[in-house]
C-alpha atoms as a PDB file:
ATOM      1  CA  MET A   1       0.000   0.000   0.000  1.00  0.00           C
ATOM      2  CA  ASP A   2       1.132   3.580  -0.583  1.00  0.00           C
ATOM      3  CA  ARG A   3       1.534   6.187   2.151  1.00  0.00           C
ATOM      4  CA  ALA A   4      -2.108   7.187   2.020  1.00  0.00           C
ATOM      5  CA  GLY A   5      -3.097   3.633   2.938  1.00  0.00           C
ATOM      6  CA  LEU A   6      -4.494   2.819  -0.498  1.00  0.00           C
ATOM      7  CA  ASP A   7      -3.100   0.188  -2.815  1.00  0.00           C
ATOM      8  CA  GLN A   8      -3.212   0.439  -6.615  1.00  0.00           C
ATOM      9  CA  ILE A   9      -6.582  -1.306  -6.839  1.00  0.00           C
ATOM     10  CA  ASP A  10      -8.090   1.129  -4.299  1.00  0.00           C
ATOM     11  CA  GLN A  11      -6.694   4.008  -6.345  1.00  0.00           C
ATOM     12  CA  ARG A  12      -8.207   2.557  -9.541  1.00  0.00           C
ATOM     13  CA  ILE A  13     -11.568   2.185  -7.765  1.00  0.00           C
ATOM     14  CA  LEU A  14     -11.389   5.851  -6.688  1.00  0.00           C
ATOM     15  CA  GLU A  15     -10.475   6.909 -10.230  1.00  0.00           C
ATOM     16  CA  GLU A  16     -13.467   5.037 -11.653  1.00  0.00           C
ATOM     17  CA  LEU A  17     -15.798   6.438  -8.979  1.00  0.00           C
ATOM     18  CA  THR A  18     -14.455   9.932  -9.670  1.00  0.00           C
ATOM     19  CA  ARG A  19     -15.387   9.489 -13.337  1.00  0.00           C
ATOM     20  CA  ASN A  20     -18.794   8.015 -12.495  1.00  0.00           C
ATOM     21  CA  ALA A  21     -19.872   7.892  -8.838  1.00  0.00           C
ATOM     22  CA  ARG A  22     -23.009   5.968  -9.855  1.00  0.00           C
ATOM     23  CA  ILE A  23     -21.192   3.037 -11.484  1.00  0.00           C
ATOM     24  CA  SER A  24     -22.551  -0.335 -10.363  1.00  0.00           C
ATOM     25  CA  HIS A  25     -20.394  -2.622  -8.241  1.00  0.00           C
ATOM     26  CA  ALA A  26     -20.577  -5.244 -10.994  1.00  0.00           C
ATOM     27  CA  GLU A  27     -19.298  -2.869 -13.683  1.00  0.00           C
ATOM     28  CA  LEU A  28     -16.628  -1.492 -11.355  1.00  0.00           C
ATOM     29  CA  ALA A  29     -15.545  -5.044 -10.497  1.00  0.00           C
ATOM     30  CA  SER A  30     -15.039  -5.852 -14.172  1.00  0.00           C
ATOM     31  CA  LYS A  31     -12.911  -2.708 -14.634  1.00  0.00           C
ATOM     32  CA  VAL A  32     -10.581  -3.469 -11.696  1.00  0.00           C
ATOM     33  CA  LEU A  33     -10.603  -7.264 -12.170  1.00  0.00           C
ATOM     34  CA  LEU A  34     -12.082  -8.171  -8.784  1.00  0.00           C
ATOM     35  CA  SER A  35     -15.304  -9.810  -7.684  1.00  0.00           C
ATOM     36  CA  ARG A  36     -18.310  -7.616  -7.005  1.00  0.00           C
ATOM     37  CA  ASN A  37     -18.128  -8.570  -3.322  1.00  0.00           C
ATOM     38  CA  ALA A  38     -14.429  -7.613  -3.086  1.00  0.00           C
ATOM     39  CA  VAL A  39     -15.173  -4.214  -4.657  1.00  0.00           C
ATOM     40  CA  ARG A  40     -18.057  -3.656  -2.223  1.00  0.00           C
ATOM     41  CA  GLN A  41     -15.790  -4.514   0.736  1.00  0.00           C
ATOM     42  CA  ARG A  42     -13.089  -2.112  -0.474  1.00  0.00           C
ATOM     43  CA  ILE A  43     -15.631   0.689  -0.971  1.00  0.00           C
ATOM     44  CA  ASP A  44     -17.067   0.024   2.510  1.00  0.00           C
ATOM     45  CA  ARG A  45     -13.557   0.232   4.004  1.00  0.00           C
ATOM     46  CA  MET A  46     -12.770   3.468   2.153  1.00  0.00           C
ATOM     47  CA  GLU A  47     -16.073   4.930   3.407  1.00  0.00           C
ATOM     48  CA  ARG A  48     -15.204   3.966   7.001  1.00  0.00           C
ATOM     49  CA  HIS A  49     -11.752   5.580   6.660  1.00  0.00           C
ATOM     50  CA  GLY A  50     -13.103   8.785   5.089  1.00  0.00           C
ATOM     51  CA  GLN A  51     -11.631   8.394   1.588  1.00  0.00           C
ATOM     52  CA  ILE A  52     -15.191   8.176   0.254  1.00  0.00           C
ATOM     53  CA  GLN A  53     -17.810  10.370   1.904  1.00  0.00           C
ATOM     54  CA  GLY A  54     -21.420  10.139   0.777  1.00  0.00           C
ATOM     55  CA  TYR A  55     -21.763  10.216  -2.984  1.00  0.00           C
ATOM     56  CA  THR A  56     -18.608  12.232  -3.466  1.00  0.00           C
ATOM     57  CA  VAL A  57     -15.127  10.788  -3.771  1.00  0.00           C
ATOM     58  CA  VAL A  58     -12.837  12.691  -1.399  1.00  0.00           C
ATOM     59  CA  SER A  59      -9.159  11.930  -1.918  1.00  0.00           C
ATOM     60  CA  GLY A  60      -6.866  12.438   1.041  1.00  0.00           C
ATOM     61  CA  SER A  61      -7.827  13.537   4.532  1.00  0.00           C
ATOM     62  CA  PRO A  62     -11.262  15.090   5.045  1.00  0.00           C
ATOM     63  CA  GLY A  63     -11.041  18.881   4.855  1.00  0.00           C
ATOM     64  CA  GLN A  64      -7.521  18.807   3.413  1.00  0.00           C
ATOM     65  CA  ALA A  65      -7.024  21.102   0.430  1.00  0.00           C
ATOM     66  CA  PRO A  66      -5.653  19.394  -2.685  1.00  0.00           C
ATOM     67  CA  VAL A  67      -2.066  19.880  -3.782  1.00  0.00           C
ATOM     68  CA  ALA A  68      -1.900  21.688  -7.128  1.00  0.00           C
ATOM     69  CA  ALA A  69       0.797  21.844  -9.775  1.00  0.00           C
ATOM     70  CA  TYR A  70       1.180  23.153 -13.309  1.00  0.00           C
ATOM     71  CA  LEU A  71       2.986  21.100 -15.921  1.00  0.00           C
ATOM     72  CA  MET A  72       4.266  22.737 -19.050  1.00  0.00           C
ATOM     73  CA  VAL A  73       4.500  19.928 -21.594  1.00  0.00           C
ATOM     74  CA  TYR A  74       6.701  19.871 -24.677  1.00  0.00           C
ATOM     75  CA  ARG A  75       5.439  17.352 -27.241  1.00  0.00           C
ATOM     76  CA  ASN A  76       7.507  15.611 -29.913  1.00  0.00           C
ATOM     77  CA  ASP A  77       5.057  16.763 -32.577  1.00  0.00           C
ATOM     78  CA  ARG A  78       3.102  19.961 -31.901  1.00  0.00           C
ATOM     79  CA  VAL A  79       0.643  19.366 -34.721  1.00  0.00           C
ATOM     80  CA  ARG A  80      -0.023  15.628 -34.413  1.00  0.00           C
ATOM     81  CA  GLY A  81       0.270  15.243 -30.636  1.00  0.00           C
ATOM     82  CA  SER A  82      -3.360  14.349 -29.913  1.00  0.00           C
ATOM     83  CA  ASP A  83      -2.272  11.047 -28.321  1.00  0.00           C
ATOM     84  CA  VAL A  84      -0.757  13.053 -25.442  1.00  0.00           C
ATOM     85  CA  VAL A  85      -3.973  15.034 -24.974  1.00  0.00           C
ATOM     86  CA  ALA A  86      -6.028  11.816 -25.000  1.00  0.00           C
ATOM     87  CA  ALA A  87      -3.775  10.317 -22.314  1.00  0.00           C
ATOM     88  CA  LEU A  88      -4.150  13.463 -20.186  1.00  0.00           C
ATOM     89  CA  GLN A  89      -7.950  13.292 -20.479  1.00  0.00           C
ATOM     90  CA  ALA A  90      -7.832   9.847 -18.860  1.00  0.00           C
ATOM     91  CA  ILE A  91      -6.138  11.150 -15.677  1.00  0.00           C
ATOM     92  CA  PRO A  92      -8.801  12.312 -13.184  1.00  0.00           C
ATOM     93  CA  GLU A  93      -6.413  14.705 -11.409  1.00  0.00           C
ATOM     94  CA  VAL A  94      -5.926  16.715 -14.616  1.00  0.00           C
ATOM     95  CA  VAL A  95      -8.371  19.583 -14.054  1.00  0.00           C
ATOM     96  CA  PHE A  96      -7.474  21.479 -17.214  1.00  0.00           C
ATOM     97  CA  CYS A  97      -5.217  21.190 -20.223  1.00  0.00           C
ATOM     98  CA  ASP A  98      -4.766  24.033 -22.682  1.00  0.00           C
ATOM     99  CA  VAL A  99      -2.810  24.155 -25.931  1.00  0.00           C
ATOM    100  CA  VAL A 100      -0.755  27.343 -25.718  1.00  0.00           C
ATOM    101  CA  SER A 101       1.528  29.434 -27.878  1.00  0.00           C
ATOM    102  CA  GLY A 102       5.148  30.013 -26.970  1.00  0.00           C
ATOM    103  CA  ASP A 103       7.969  27.719 -25.984  1.00  0.00           C
ATOM    104  CA  PHE A 104       5.906  24.815 -24.661  1.00  0.00           C
ATOM    105  CA  ASP A 105       2.844  23.142 -26.183  1.00  0.00           C
ATOM    106  CA  LEU A 106       0.457  22.371 -23.325  1.00  0.00           C
ATOM    107  CA  ILE A 107      -0.197  23.724 -19.862  1.00  0.00           C
ATOM    108  CA  VAL A 108      -1.784  21.228 -17.496  1.00  0.00           C
ATOM    109  CA  ARG A 109      -3.153  21.836 -13.993  1.00  0.00           C
ATOM    110  CA  LEU A 110      -3.090  18.889 -11.623  1.00  0.00           C
ATOM    111  CA  GLU A 111      -4.970  18.701  -8.334  1.00  0.00           C
ATOM    112  CA  ALA A 112      -4.219  15.677  -6.168  1.00  0.00           C
ATOM    113  CA  ARG A 113      -4.453  14.516  -2.556  1.00  0.00           C
ATOM    114  CA  SER A 114      -0.687  14.624  -1.961  1.00  0.00           C
ATOM    115  CA  LEU A 115       2.671  15.683  -3.317  1.00  0.00           C
ATOM    116  CA  GLU A 116       3.479  11.998  -3.798  1.00  0.00           C
ATOM    117  CA  ARG A 117       0.442  11.612  -6.071  1.00  0.00           C
ATOM    118  CA  ILE A 118       1.524  14.701  -8.068  1.00  0.00           C
ATOM    119  CA  GLN A 119       4.914  13.029  -8.549  1.00  0.00           C
ATOM    120  CA  GLU A 120       3.289   9.754  -9.677  1.00  0.00           C
ATOM    121  CA  ILE A 121       1.212  11.620 -12.247  1.00  0.00           C
ATOM    122  CA  TRP A 122       4.219  13.675 -13.399  1.00  0.00           C
ATOM    123  CA  GLU A 123       6.210  10.460 -13.933  1.00  0.00           C
ATOM    124  CA  ARG A 124       3.292   8.987 -15.884  1.00  0.00           C
ATOM    125  CA  ILE A 125       3.018  12.082 -18.103  1.00  0.00           C
ATOM    126  CA  ALA A 126       6.792  12.413 -18.622  1.00  0.00           C
ATOM    127  CA  ALA A 127       6.923   8.772 -19.759  1.00  0.00           C
ATOM    128  CA  LEU A 128       4.240   9.199 -22.449  1.00  0.00           C
ATOM    129  CA  PRO A 129       5.658   8.385 -25.915  1.00  0.00           C
ATOM    130  CA  GLY A 130       4.668  11.754 -27.385  1.00  0.00           C
ATOM    131  CA  VAL A 131       6.163  13.851 -24.566  1.00  0.00           C
ATOM    132  CA  LYS A 132       9.556  15.388 -25.220  1.00  0.00           C
ATOM    133  CA  ASP A 133      10.025  17.210 -21.886  1.00  0.00           C
ATOM    134  CA  THR A 134       8.132  18.823 -19.002  1.00  0.00           C
ATOM    135  CA  VAL A 135       8.580  21.713 -16.596  1.00  0.00           C
ATOM    136  CA  THR A 136       6.668  21.630 -13.325  1.00  0.00           C
ATOM    137  CA  ALA A 137       5.599  24.506 -11.064  1.00  0.00           C
ATOM    138  CA  MET A 138       3.904  23.830  -7.727  1.00  0.00           C
ATOM    139  CA  SER A 139       1.048  26.109  -6.732  1.00  0.00           C
ATOM    140  CA  LEU A 140       1.931  27.639  -3.356  1.00  0.00           C
ATOM    141  CA  SER A 141      -1.270  29.612  -2.763  1.00  0.00           C
ATOM    142  CA  ASN A 142      -4.348  30.808  -4.620  1.00  0.00           C
ATOM    143  CA  TYR A 143      -5.522  34.426  -4.509  1.00  0.00           C
ATOM    144  CA  VAL A 144      -8.108  34.570  -7.301  1.00  0.00           C
ATOM    145  CA  SER A 145     -10.351  31.706  -8.359  1.00  0.00           C
ATOM    146  CA  ARG A 146     -13.238  32.383 -10.720  1.00  0.00           C
ATOM    147  CA  GLY A 147     -15.585  29.957 -12.395  1.00  0.00           C
ATOM    148  CA  ALA A 148     -15.438  29.525 -16.156  1.00  0.00           C
END
């Protein structure tokens, strides 16, 4: 298990529930390759420990603000790099991804339960076949936050 007390299967369950909190236990079981009963037991445990509260998936400690980081991504091919964007769309902690002008190609905001999770995601993104390089900036504080 990782430092947050969740193993990889628990993390996959949380990712699937984040995408669709109303997914059935049977469908979720098929996605994480466990029995329906094993998935139900894991969800029950995560509810007892506060990782899942009500119908909302809450990563990390209750009341804890997420850790945020910006990744500037340089792709191998600026024009035909849609495979990188598709991979980013599959990561629940990616809260936005914009194609930008200038030196780098994409700016990505990550919000995760811990610095360790940010690092895991960064490693995953940096290892993508279409990614040439990345630059990361951690968000230290937020002064203005407006809805879209």
